[in-house]
Amino acid sequence: MKTYFLDIMASKERGTTYIGVTNNLSRRVYEHKNELVEGFSKKYQTHLLVYFEEPKTMYDAILREKQLKRWKRSWKIRLIEETNQKWRDLSKEIIFMDKD
């Protein structure tokens, strides 16, 4: 069974955020931290995993990604701070979450 994730990466507490979808959260975090992909994430140094969800399907993950990208910044901050008030890097907590 495939696993999918919606993730929010940040440059710092209340800094620039990047919202994405992946089937391998560990790989996604590694790519961000090591700036392996050109573009927005590399430019704004979104290295901290500050929020993630595990939707049931890739379709659900993509729908959620599109929804969050339309949200006001204040709503995204509130979502993050509901579970991660100090904006700590959650990457150490997800090392064993990927199932593929």
PDB file of N, CA and C in Angstrom:
ATOM      1  N   MET A   1       0.838  -1.188   0.000  1.00  0.00           N
ATOM      2  CA  MET A   1       0.000   0.000   0.000  1.00  0.00           C
ATOM      3  C   MET A   1       0.882   1.251   0.000  1.00  0.00           C
ATOM      4  N   LYS A   2       0.617   2.158  -0.892  1.00  0.00           N
ATOM      5  CA  LYS A   2       1.377   3.394  -1.009  1.00  0.00           C
ATOM      6  C   LYS A   2       1.006   4.362   0.114  1.00  0.00           C
ATOM      7  N   THR A   3       1.967   5.162   0.491  1.00  0.00           N
ATOM      8  CA  THR A   3       1.774   6.208   1.487  1.00  0.00           C
ATOM      9  C   THR A   3       2.043   7.549   0.832  1.00  0.00           C
ATOM     10  N   TYR A   4       1.235   8.533   1.163  1.00  0.00           N
ATOM     11  CA  TYR A   4       1.377   9.867   0.593  1.00  0.00           C
ATOM     12  C   TYR A   4       1.399  10.889   1.720  1.00  0.00           C
ATOM     13  N   PHE A   5       2.102  11.970   1.493  1.00  0.00           N
ATOM     14  CA  PHE A   5       2.226  13.015   2.495  1.00  0.00           C
ATOM     15  C   PHE A   5       2.031  14.382   1.873  1.00  0.00           C
ATOM     16  N   LEU A   6       1.415  15.245   2.631  1.00  0.00           N
ATOM     17  CA  LEU A   6       1.401  16.667   2.357  1.00  0.00           C
ATOM     18  C   LEU A   6       2.362  17.266   3.374  1.00  0.00           C
ATOM     19  N   ASP A   7       3.281  18.095   2.919  1.00  0.00           N
ATOM     20  CA  ASP A   7       4.261  18.646   3.842  1.00  0.00           C
ATOM     21  C   ASP A   7       4.344  20.157   3.714  1.00  0.00           C
ATOM     22  N   ILE A   8       4.684  20.789   4.842  1.00  0.00           N
ATOM     23  CA  ILE A   8       4.994  22.212   4.838  1.00  0.00           C
ATOM     24  C   ILE A   8       6.406  22.360   5.376  1.00  0.00           C
ATOM     25  N   MET A   9       7.261  22.929   4.549  1.00  0.00           N
ATOM     26  CA  MET A   9       8.637  23.221   4.915  1.00  0.00           C
ATOM     27  C   MET A   9       8.745  24.724   5.143  1.00  0.00           C
ATOM     28  N   ALA A  10       9.632  25.134   6.049  1.00  0.00           N
ATOM     29  CA  ALA A  10       9.776  26.563   6.348  1.00  0.00           C
ATOM     30  C   ALA A  10      11.245  26.951   6.417  1.00  0.00           C
ATOM     31  N   SER A  11      11.497  28.231   6.182  1.00  0.00           N
ATOM     32  CA  SER A  11      12.864  28.746   6.266  1.00  0.00           C
ATOM     33  C   SER A  11      13.267  29.019   7.717  1.00  0.00           C
ATOM     34  N   LYS A  12      12.289  29.365   8.542  1.00  0.00           N
ATOM     35  CA  LYS A  12      12.501  29.654   9.964  1.00  0.00           C
ATOM     36  C   LYS A  12      11.121  29.821  10.590  1.00  0.00           C
ATOM     37  N   GLU A  13      11.066  30.053  11.885  1.00  0.00           N
ATOM     38  CA  GLU A  13       9.795  30.276  12.548  1.00  0.00           C
ATOM     39  C   GLU A  13       9.074  31.452  11.903  1.00  0.00           C
ATOM     40  N   ARG A  14       7.862  31.194  11.458  1.00  0.00           N
ATOM     41  CA  ARG A  14       7.023  32.193  10.779  1.00  0.00           C
ATOM     42  C   ARG A  14       7.680  32.780   9.532  1.00  0.00           C
ATOM     43  N   GLY A  15       8.602  32.005   8.945  1.00  0.00           N
ATOM     44  CA  GLY A  15       9.295  32.450   7.740  1.00  0.00           C
ATOM     45  C   GLY A  15       8.569  32.009   6.480  1.00  0.00           C
ATOM     46  N   THR A  16       9.304  31.954   5.396  1.00  0.00           N
ATOM     47  CA  THR A  16       8.772  31.518   4.111  1.00  0.00           C
ATOM     48  C   THR A  16       8.386  30.055   4.205  1.00  0.00           C
ATOM     49  N   THR A  17       7.240  29.690   3.629  1.00  0.00           N
ATOM     50  CA  THR A  17       6.801  28.293   3.653  1.00  0.00           C
ATOM     51  C   THR A  17       6.667  27.747   2.239  1.00  0.00           C
ATOM     52  N   TYR A  18       6.838  26.439   2.159  1.00  0.00           N
ATOM     53  CA  TYR A  18       6.692  25.696   0.902  1.00  0.00           C
ATOM     54  C   TYR A  18       5.749  24.538   1.193  1.00  0.00           C
ATOM     55  N   ILE A  19       4.728  24.383   0.379  1.00  0.00           N
ATOM     56  CA  ILE A  19       3.767  23.297   0.545  1.00  0.00           C
ATOM     57  C   ILE A  19       3.937  22.335  -0.618  1.00  0.00           C
ATOM     58  N   GLY A  20       4.042  21.051  -0.304  1.00  0.00           N
ATOM     59  CA  GLY A  20       4.220  20.057  -1.352  1.00  0.00           C
ATOM     60  C   GLY A  20       3.601  18.716  -1.004  1.00  0.00           C
ATOM     61  N   VAL A  21       3.646  17.818  -1.962  1.00  0.00           N
ATOM     62  CA  VAL A  21       3.119  16.454  -1.829  1.00  0.00           C
ATOM     63  C   VAL A  21       4.216  15.493  -2.238  1.00  0.00           C
ATOM     64  N   THR A  22       4.309  14.381  -1.529  1.00  0.00           N
ATOM     65  CA  THR A  22       5.326  13.379  -1.842  1.00  0.00           C
ATOM     66  C   THR A  22       4.850  11.996  -1.425  1.00  0.00           C
ATOM     67  N   ASN A  23       5.484  10.972  -1.974  1.00  0.00           N
ATOM     68  CA  ASN A  23       5.237   9.608  -1.512  1.00  0.00           C
ATOM     69  C   ASN A  23       6.390   9.112  -0.646  1.00  0.00           C
ATOM     70  N   ASN A  24       7.368   9.984  -0.392  1.00  0.00           N
ATOM     71  CA  ASN A  24       8.517   9.622   0.437  1.00  0.00           C
ATOM     72  C   ASN A  24       8.961  10.872   1.206  1.00  0.00           C
ATOM     73  N   LEU A  25       8.461  10.997   2.415  1.00  0.00           N
ATOM     74  CA  LEU A  25       8.711  12.203   3.196  1.00  0.00           C
ATOM     75  C   LEU A  25      10.179  12.342   3.590  1.00  0.00           C
ATOM     76  N   SER A  26      10.836  11.258   3.898  1.00  0.00           N
ATOM     77  CA  SER A  26      12.262  11.314   4.242  1.00  0.00           C
ATOM     78  C   SER A  26      13.084  11.865   3.079  1.00  0.00           C
ATOM     79  N   ARG A  27      12.788  11.366   1.872  1.00  0.00           N
ATOM     80  CA  ARG A  27      13.500  11.847   0.682  1.00  0.00           C
ATOM     81  C   ARG A  27      13.224  13.332   0.454  1.00  0.00           C
ATOM     82  N   ARG A  28      11.964  13.729   0.611  1.00  0.00           N
ATOM     83  CA  ARG A  28      11.575  15.129   0.412  1.00  0.00           C
ATOM     84  C   ARG A  28      12.365  16.035   1.354  1.00  0.00           C
ATOM     85  N   VAL A  29      12.456  15.659   2.628  1.00  0.00           N
ATOM     86  CA  VAL A  29      13.183  16.466   3.606  1.00  0.00           C
ATOM     87  C   VAL A  29      14.665  16.520   3.246  1.00  0.00           C
ATOM     88  N   TYR A  30      15.221  15.386   2.857  1.00  0.00           N
ATOM     89  CA  TYR A  30      16.631  15.336   2.462  1.00  0.00           C
ATOM     90  C   TYR A  30      16.892  16.288   1.292  1.00  0.00           C
ATOM     91  N   GLU A  31      16.014  16.263   0.295  1.00  0.00           N
ATOM     92  CA  GLU A  31      16.176  17.141  -0.871  1.00  0.00           C
ATOM     93  C   GLU A  31      16.136  18.616  -0.466  1.00  0.00           C
ATOM     94  N   HIS A  32      15.228  18.955   0.428  1.00  0.00           N
ATOM     95  CA  HIS A  32      15.125  20.353   0.878  1.00  0.00           C
ATOM     96  C   HIS A  32      16.364  20.761   1.678  1.00  0.00           C
ATOM     97  N   LYS A  33      16.750  19.930   2.617  1.00  0.00           N
ATOM     98  CA  LYS A  33      17.881  20.271   3.485  1.00  0.00           C
ATOM     99  C   LYS A  33      19.194  20.392   2.710  1.00  0.00           C
ATOM    100  N   ASN A  34      19.318  19.629   1.641  1.00  0.00           N
ATOM    101  CA  ASN A  34      20.545  19.636   0.844  1.00  0.00           C
ATOM    102  C   ASN A  34      20.421  20.437  -0.447  1.00  0.00           C
ATOM    103  N   GLU A  35      19.327  21.148  -0.599  1.00  0.00           N
ATOM    104  CA  GLU A  35      19.088  22.023  -1.751  1.00  0.00           C
ATOM    105  C   GLU A  35      19.361  21.331  -3.087  1.00  0.00           C
ATOM    106  N   LEU A  36      18.795  20.135  -3.236  1.00  0.00           N
ATOM    107  CA  LEU A  36      19.050  19.331  -4.432  1.00  0.00           C
ATOM    108  C   LEU A  36      18.152  19.683  -5.614  1.00  0.00           C
ATOM    109  N   VAL A  37      17.085  20.417  -5.365  1.00  0.00           N
ATOM    110  CA  VAL A  37      16.156  20.751  -6.433  1.00  0.00           C
ATOM    111  C   VAL A  37      16.163  22.266  -6.630  1.00  0.00           C
ATOM    112  N   GLU A  38      16.375  22.682  -7.866  1.00  0.00           N
ATOM    113  CA  GLU A  38      16.373  24.108  -8.190  1.00  0.00           C
ATOM    114  C   GLU A  38      14.965  24.672  -8.015  1.00  0.00           C
ATOM    115  N   GLY A  39      14.885  25.934  -7.691  1.00  0.00           N
ATOM    116  CA  GLY A  39      13.589  26.589  -7.641  1.00  0.00           C
ATOM    117  C   GLY A  39      13.310  27.253  -6.312  1.00  0.00           C
ATOM    118  N   PHE A  40      12.023  27.367  -6.015  1.00  0.00           N
ATOM    119  CA  PHE A  40      11.542  28.108  -4.853  1.00  0.00           C
ATOM    120  C   PHE A  40      12.190  27.651  -3.555  1.00  0.00           C
ATOM    121  N   SER A  41      12.173  26.361  -3.307  1.00  0.00           N
ATOM    122  CA  SER A  41      12.689  25.825  -2.051  1.00  0.00           C
ATOM    123  C   SER A  41      14.169  26.142  -1.852  1.00  0.00           C
ATOM    124  N   LYS A  42      14.939  26.018  -2.900  1.00  0.00           N
ATOM    125  CA  LYS A  42      16.371  26.329  -2.811  1.00  0.00           C
ATOM    126  C   LYS A  42      16.579  27.828  -2.620  1.00  0.00           C
ATOM    127  N   LYS A  43      15.847  28.625  -3.367  1.00  0.00           N
ATOM    128  CA  LYS A  43      15.987  30.076  -3.296  1.00  0.00           C
ATOM    129  C   LYS A  43      15.668  30.613  -1.902  1.00  0.00           C
ATOM    130  N   TYR A  44      14.608  30.084  -1.285  1.00  0.00           N
ATOM    131  CA  TYR A  44      14.157  30.601   0.003  1.00  0.00           C
ATOM    132  C   TYR A  44      14.592  29.741   1.194  1.00  0.00           C
ATOM    133  N   GLN A  45      15.391  28.719   0.929  1.00  0.00           N
ATOM    134  CA  GLN A  45      15.986  27.858   1.963  1.00  0.00           C
ATOM    135  C   GLN A  45      14.950  27.301   2.938  1.00  0.00           C
ATOM    136  N   THR A  46      13.931  26.690   2.380  1.00  0.00           N
ATOM    137  CA  THR A  46      12.908  26.056   3.216  1.00  0.00           C
ATOM    138  C   THR A  46      13.408  24.672   3.616  1.00  0.00           C
ATOM    139  N   HIS A  47      14.134  24.621   4.719  1.00  0.00           N
ATOM    140  CA  HIS A  47      14.807  23.402   5.171  1.00  0.00           C
ATOM    141  C   HIS A  47      14.121  22.706   6.341  1.00  0.00           C
ATOM    142  N   LEU A  48      13.206  23.368   7.003  1.00  0.00           N
ATOM    143  CA  LEU A  48      12.600  22.819   8.211  1.00  0.00           C
ATOM    144  C   LEU A  48      11.234  22.204   7.920  1.00  0.00           C
ATOM    145  N   LEU A  49      11.058  20.951   8.276  1.00  0.00           N
ATOM    146  CA  LEU A  49       9.744  20.322   8.170  1.00  0.00           C
ATOM    147  C   LEU A  49       8.946  20.756   9.395  1.00  0.00           C
ATOM    148  N   VAL A  50       7.922  21.588   9.189  1.00  0.00           N
ATOM    149  CA  VAL A  50       7.174  22.126  10.325  1.00  0.00           C
ATOM    150  C   VAL A  50       5.767  21.563  10.430  1.00  0.00           C
ATOM    151  N   TYR A  51       5.301  20.857   9.393  1.00  0.00           N
ATOM    152  CA  TYR A  51       3.947  20.299   9.414  1.00  0.00           C
ATOM    153  C   TYR A  51       3.855  19.219   8.346  1.00  0.00           C
ATOM    154  N   PHE A  52       3.087  18.173   8.634  1.00  0.00           N
ATOM    155  CA  PHE A  52       2.776  17.193   7.597  1.00  0.00           C
ATOM    156  C   PHE A  52       1.483  16.476   7.924  1.00  0.00           C
ATOM    157  N   GLU A  53       0.858  15.963   6.891  1.00  0.00           N
ATOM    158  CA  GLU A  53      -0.347  15.144   6.993  1.00  0.00           C
ATOM    159  C   GLU A  53      -0.122  13.904   6.146  1.00  0.00           C
ATOM    160  N   GLU A  54      -0.903  12.869   6.419  1.00  0.00           N
ATOM    161  CA  GLU A  54      -0.830  11.632   5.641  1.00  0.00           C
ATOM    162  C   GLU A  54      -2.213  11.313   5.059  1.00  0.00           C
ATOM    163  N   PRO A  55      -2.560  11.946   3.936  1.00  0.00           N
ATOM    164  CA  PRO A  55      -3.853  11.662   3.301  1.00  0.00           C
ATOM    165  C   PRO A  55      -3.920  10.206   2.833  1.00  0.00           C
ATOM    166  N   LYS A  56      -5.120   9.723   2.636  1.00  0.00           N
ATOM    167  CA  LYS A  56      -5.306   8.317   2.249  1.00  0.00           C
ATOM    168  C   LYS A  56      -4.860   8.017   0.820  1.00  0.00           C
ATOM    169  N   THR A  57      -5.032   8.974  -0.079  1.00  0.00           N
ATOM    170  CA  THR A  57      -4.690   8.745  -1.479  1.00  0.00           C
ATOM    171  C   THR A  57      -3.882   9.930  -2.019  1.00  0.00           C
ATOM    172  N   MET A  58      -3.224   9.725  -3.142  1.00  0.00           N
ATOM    173  CA  MET A  58      -2.499  10.809  -3.786  1.00  0.00           C
ATOM    174  C   MET A  58      -3.477  11.896  -4.224  1.00  0.00           C
ATOM    175  N   TYR A  59      -4.631  11.491  -4.686  1.00  0.00           N
ATOM    176  CA  TYR A  59      -5.654  12.455  -5.078  1.00  0.00           C
ATOM    177  C   TYR A  59      -6.018  13.362  -3.899  1.00  0.00           C
ATOM    178  N   ASP A  60      -6.238  12.774  -2.720  1.00  0.00           N
ATOM    179  CA  ASP A  60      -6.551  13.551  -1.520  1.00  0.00           C
ATOM    180  C   ASP A  60      -5.400  14.490  -1.157  1.00  0.00           C
ATOM    181  N   ALA A  61      -4.175  14.009  -1.305  1.00  0.00           N
ATOM    182  CA  ALA A  61      -2.995  14.825  -0.994  1.00  0.00           C
ATOM    183  C   ALA A  61      -2.916  16.036  -1.916  1.00  0.00           C
ATOM    184  N   ILE A  62      -3.156  15.820  -3.191  1.00  0.00           N
ATOM    185  CA  ILE A  62      -3.101  16.914  -4.154  1.00  0.00           C
ATOM    186  C   ILE A  62      -4.221  17.919  -3.908  1.00  0.00           C
ATOM    187  N   LEU A  63      -5.417  17.423  -3.605  1.00  0.00           N
ATOM    188  CA  LEU A  63      -6.525  18.332  -3.289  1.00  0.00           C
ATOM    189  C   LEU A  63      -6.197  19.193  -2.067  1.00  0.00           C
ATOM    190  N   ARG A  64      -5.632  18.553  -1.040  1.00  0.00           N
ATOM    191  CA  ARG A  64      -5.279  19.285   0.179  1.00  0.00           C
ATOM    192  C   ARG A  64      -4.178  20.316  -0.105  1.00  0.00           C
ATOM    193  N   GLU A  65      -3.197  19.936  -0.916  1.00  0.00           N
ATOM    194  CA  GLU A  65      -2.135  20.863  -1.295  1.00  0.00           C
ATOM    195  C   GLU A  65      -2.724  22.097  -1.982  1.00  0.00           C
ATOM    196  N   LYS A  66      -3.600  21.884  -2.929  1.00  0.00           N
ATOM    197  CA  LYS A  66      -4.218  23.006  -3.646  1.00  0.00           C
ATOM    198  C   LYS A  66      -5.031  23.874  -2.699  1.00  0.00           C
ATOM    199  N   GLN A  67      -5.733  23.226  -1.762  1.00  0.00           N
ATOM    200  CA  GLN A  67      -6.521  23.970  -0.784  1.00  0.00           C
ATOM    201  C   GLN A  67      -5.620  24.869   0.065  1.00  0.00           C
ATOM    202  N   LEU A  68      -4.552  24.295   0.616  1.00  0.00           N
ATOM    203  CA  LEU A  68      -3.668  25.066   1.493  1.00  0.00           C
ATOM    204  C   LEU A  68      -2.953  26.183   0.739  1.00  0.00           C
ATOM    205  N   LYS A  69      -2.613  25.961  -0.504  1.00  0.00           N
ATOM    206  CA  LYS A  69      -1.940  27.000  -1.287  1.00  0.00           C
ATOM    207  C   LYS A  69      -2.849  28.201  -1.532  1.00  0.00           C
ATOM    208  N   ARG A  70      -4.159  27.992  -1.455  1.00  0.00           N
ATOM    209  CA  ARG A  70      -5.104  29.102  -1.623  1.00  0.00           C
ATOM    210  C   ARG A  70      -5.374  29.832  -0.305  1.00  0.00           C
ATOM    211  N   TRP A  71      -4.973  29.237   0.805  1.00  0.00           N
ATOM    212  CA  TRP A  71      -5.240  29.830   2.126  1.00  0.00           C
ATOM    213  C   TRP A  71      -4.458  31.119   2.331  1.00  0.00           C
ATOM    214  N   LYS A  72      -5.001  31.978   3.193  1.00  0.00           N
ATOM    215  CA  LYS A  72      -4.282  33.154   3.658  1.00  0.00           C
ATOM    216  C   LYS A  72      -3.096  32.693   4.501  1.00  0.00           C
ATOM    217  N   ARG A  73      -2.051  33.483   4.507  1.00  0.00           N
ATOM    218  CA  ARG A  73      -0.862  33.150   5.296  1.00  0.00           C
ATOM    219  C   ARG A  73      -1.198  32.928   6.771  1.00  0.00           C
ATOM    220  N   SER A  74      -2.054  33.756   7.331  1.00  0.00           N
ATOM    221  CA  SER A  74      -2.406  33.626   8.750  1.00  0.00           C
ATOM    222  C   SER A  74      -3.067  32.287   9.042  1.00  0.00           C
ATOM    223  N   TRP A  75      -3.835  31.750   8.107  1.00  0.00           N
ATOM    224  CA  TRP A  75      -4.468  30.446   8.294  1.00  0.00           C
ATOM    225  C   TRP A  75      -3.420  29.336   8.305  1.00  0.00           C
ATOM    226  N   LYS A  76      -2.425  29.447   7.414  1.00  0.00           N
ATOM    227  CA  LYS A  76      -1.356  28.443   7.367  1.00  0.00           C
ATOM    228  C   LYS A  76      -0.555  28.464   8.664  1.00  0.00           C
ATOM    229  N   ILE A  77      -0.249  29.654   9.149  1.00  0.00           N
ATOM    230  CA  ILE A  77       0.491  29.769  10.411  1.00  0.00           C
ATOM    231  C   ILE A  77      -0.304  29.141  11.544  1.00  0.00           C
ATOM    232  N   ARG A  78      -1.595  29.408  11.594  1.00  0.00           N
ATOM    233  CA  ARG A  78      -2.444  28.820  12.637  1.00  0.00           C
ATOM    234  C   ARG A  78      -2.441  27.293  12.536  1.00  0.00           C
ATOM    235  N   LEU A  79      -2.534  26.754  11.320  1.00  0.00           N
ATOM    236  CA  LEU A  79      -2.514  25.300  11.124  1.00  0.00           C
ATOM    237  C   LEU A  79      -1.216  24.708  11.668  1.00  0.00           C
ATOM    238  N   ILE A  80      -0.100  25.305  11.328  1.00  0.00           N
ATOM    239  CA  ILE A  80       1.200  24.819  11.806  1.00  0.00           C
ATOM    240  C   ILE A  80       1.266  24.888  13.319  1.00  0.00           C
ATOM    241  N   GLU A  81       0.873  26.012  13.885  1.00  0.00           N
ATOM    242  CA  GLU A  81       1.024  26.221  15.321  1.00  0.00           C
ATOM    243  C   GLU A  81       0.035  25.431  16.165  1.00  0.00           C
ATOM    244  N   GLU A  82      -1.011  24.880  15.558  1.00  0.00           N
ATOM    245  CA  GLU A  82      -1.925  23.998  16.294  1.00  0.00           C
ATOM    246  C   GLU A  82      -1.204  22.746  16.779  1.00  0.00           C
ATOM    247  N   THR A  83      -0.217  22.280  16.019  1.00  0.00           N
ATOM    248  CA  THR A  83       0.504  21.063  16.395  1.00  0.00           C
ATOM    249  C   THR A  83       1.991  21.296  16.626  1.00  0.00           C
ATOM    250  N   ASN A  84       2.498  22.447  16.211  1.00  0.00           N
ATOM    251  CA  ASN A  84       3.932  22.708  16.293  1.00  0.00           C
ATOM    252  C   ASN A  84       4.141  24.184  16.638  1.00  0.00           C
ATOM    253  N   GLN A  85       3.768  24.541  17.852  1.00  0.00           N
ATOM    254  CA  GLN A  85       3.766  25.945  18.273  1.00  0.00           C
ATOM    255  C   GLN A  85       5.127  26.619  18.146  1.00  0.00           C
ATOM    256  N   LYS A  86       6.207  25.896  18.379  1.00  0.00           N
ATOM    257  CA  LYS A  86       7.550  26.485  18.342  1.00  0.00           C
ATOM    258  C   LYS A  86       8.241  26.315  16.992  1.00  0.00           C
ATOM    259  N   TRP A  87       7.525  25.783  16.006  1.00  0.00           N
ATOM    260  CA  TRP A  87       8.055  25.590  14.664  1.00  0.00           C
ATOM    261  C   TRP A  87       9.334  24.747  14.678  1.00  0.00           C
ATOM    262  N   ARG A  88       9.359  23.727  15.508  1.00  0.00           N
ATOM    263  CA  ARG A  88      10.551  22.867  15.554  1.00  0.00           C
ATOM    264  C   ARG A  88      10.597  22.008  14.291  1.00  0.00           C
ATOM    265  N   ASP A  89      11.790  21.582  13.940  1.00  0.00           N
ATOM    266  CA  ASP A  89      11.994  20.743  12.764  1.00  0.00           C
ATOM    267  C   ASP A  89      11.539  19.328  13.098  1.00  0.00           C
ATOM    268  N   LEU A  90      10.514  18.849  12.424  1.00  0.00           N
ATOM    269  CA  LEU A  90       9.929  17.532  12.691  1.00  0.00           C
ATOM    270  C   LEU A  90      10.641  16.413  11.951  1.00  0.00           C
ATOM    271  N   SER A  91      11.682  16.739  11.211  1.00  0.00           N
ATOM    272  CA  SER A  91      12.304  15.730  10.343  1.00  0.00           C
ATOM    273  C   SER A  91      12.837  14.529  11.114  1.00  0.00           C
ATOM    274  N   LYS A  92      13.313  14.710  12.317  1.00  0.00           N
ATOM    275  CA  LYS A  92      13.821  13.567  13.098  1.00  0.00           C
ATOM    276  C   LYS A  92      12.703  12.613  13.499  1.00  0.00           C
ATOM    277  N   GLU A  93      11.488  13.103  13.539  1.00  0.00           N
ATOM    278  CA  GLU A  93      10.339  12.281  13.919  1.00  0.00           C
ATOM    279  C   GLU A  93       9.797  11.443  12.771  1.00  0.00           C
ATOM    280  N   ILE A  94      10.185  11.724  11.543  1.00  0.00           N
ATOM    281  CA  ILE A  94       9.588  11.048  10.389  1.00  0.00           C
ATOM    282  C   ILE A  94      10.516  10.042   9.724  1.00  0.00           C
ATOM    283  N   ILE A  95      11.697   9.835  10.238  1.00  0.00           N
ATOM    284  CA  ILE A  95      12.675   8.976   9.581  1.00  0.00           C
ATOM    285  C   ILE A  95      12.104   7.597   9.244  1.00  0.00           C
ATOM    286  N   PHE A  96      11.282   7.034  10.120  1.00  0.00           N
ATOM    287  CA  PHE A  96      10.778   5.681   9.907  1.00  0.00           C
ATOM    288  C   PHE A  96       9.322   5.651   9.422  1.00  0.00           C
ATOM    289  N   MET A  97       8.775   6.785   9.025  1.00  0.00           N
ATOM    290  CA  MET A  97       7.382   6.826   8.612  1.00  0.00           C
ATOM    291  C   MET A  97       7.163   6.293   7.202  1.00  0.00           C
ATOM    292  N   ASP A  98       8.101   6.477   6.303  1.00  0.00           N
ATOM    293  CA  ASP A  98       7.913   6.048   4.921  1.00  0.00           C
ATOM    294  C   ASP A  98       7.869   4.525   4.860  1.00  0.00           C
ATOM    295  N   LYS A  99       6.877   4.009   4.125  1.00  0.00           N
ATOM    296  CA  LYS A  99       6.649   2.566   4.103  1.00  0.00           C
ATOM    297  C   LYS A  99       7.068   1.917   2.805  1.00  0.00           C
ATOM    298  N   ASP A 100       7.563   2.692   1.833  1.00  0.00           N
ATOM    299  CA  ASP A 100       7.929   2.080   0.544  1.00  0.00           C
ATOM    300  C   ASP A 100       9.397   1.844   0.420  1.00  0.00           C
TER     301      ASP A 100
END
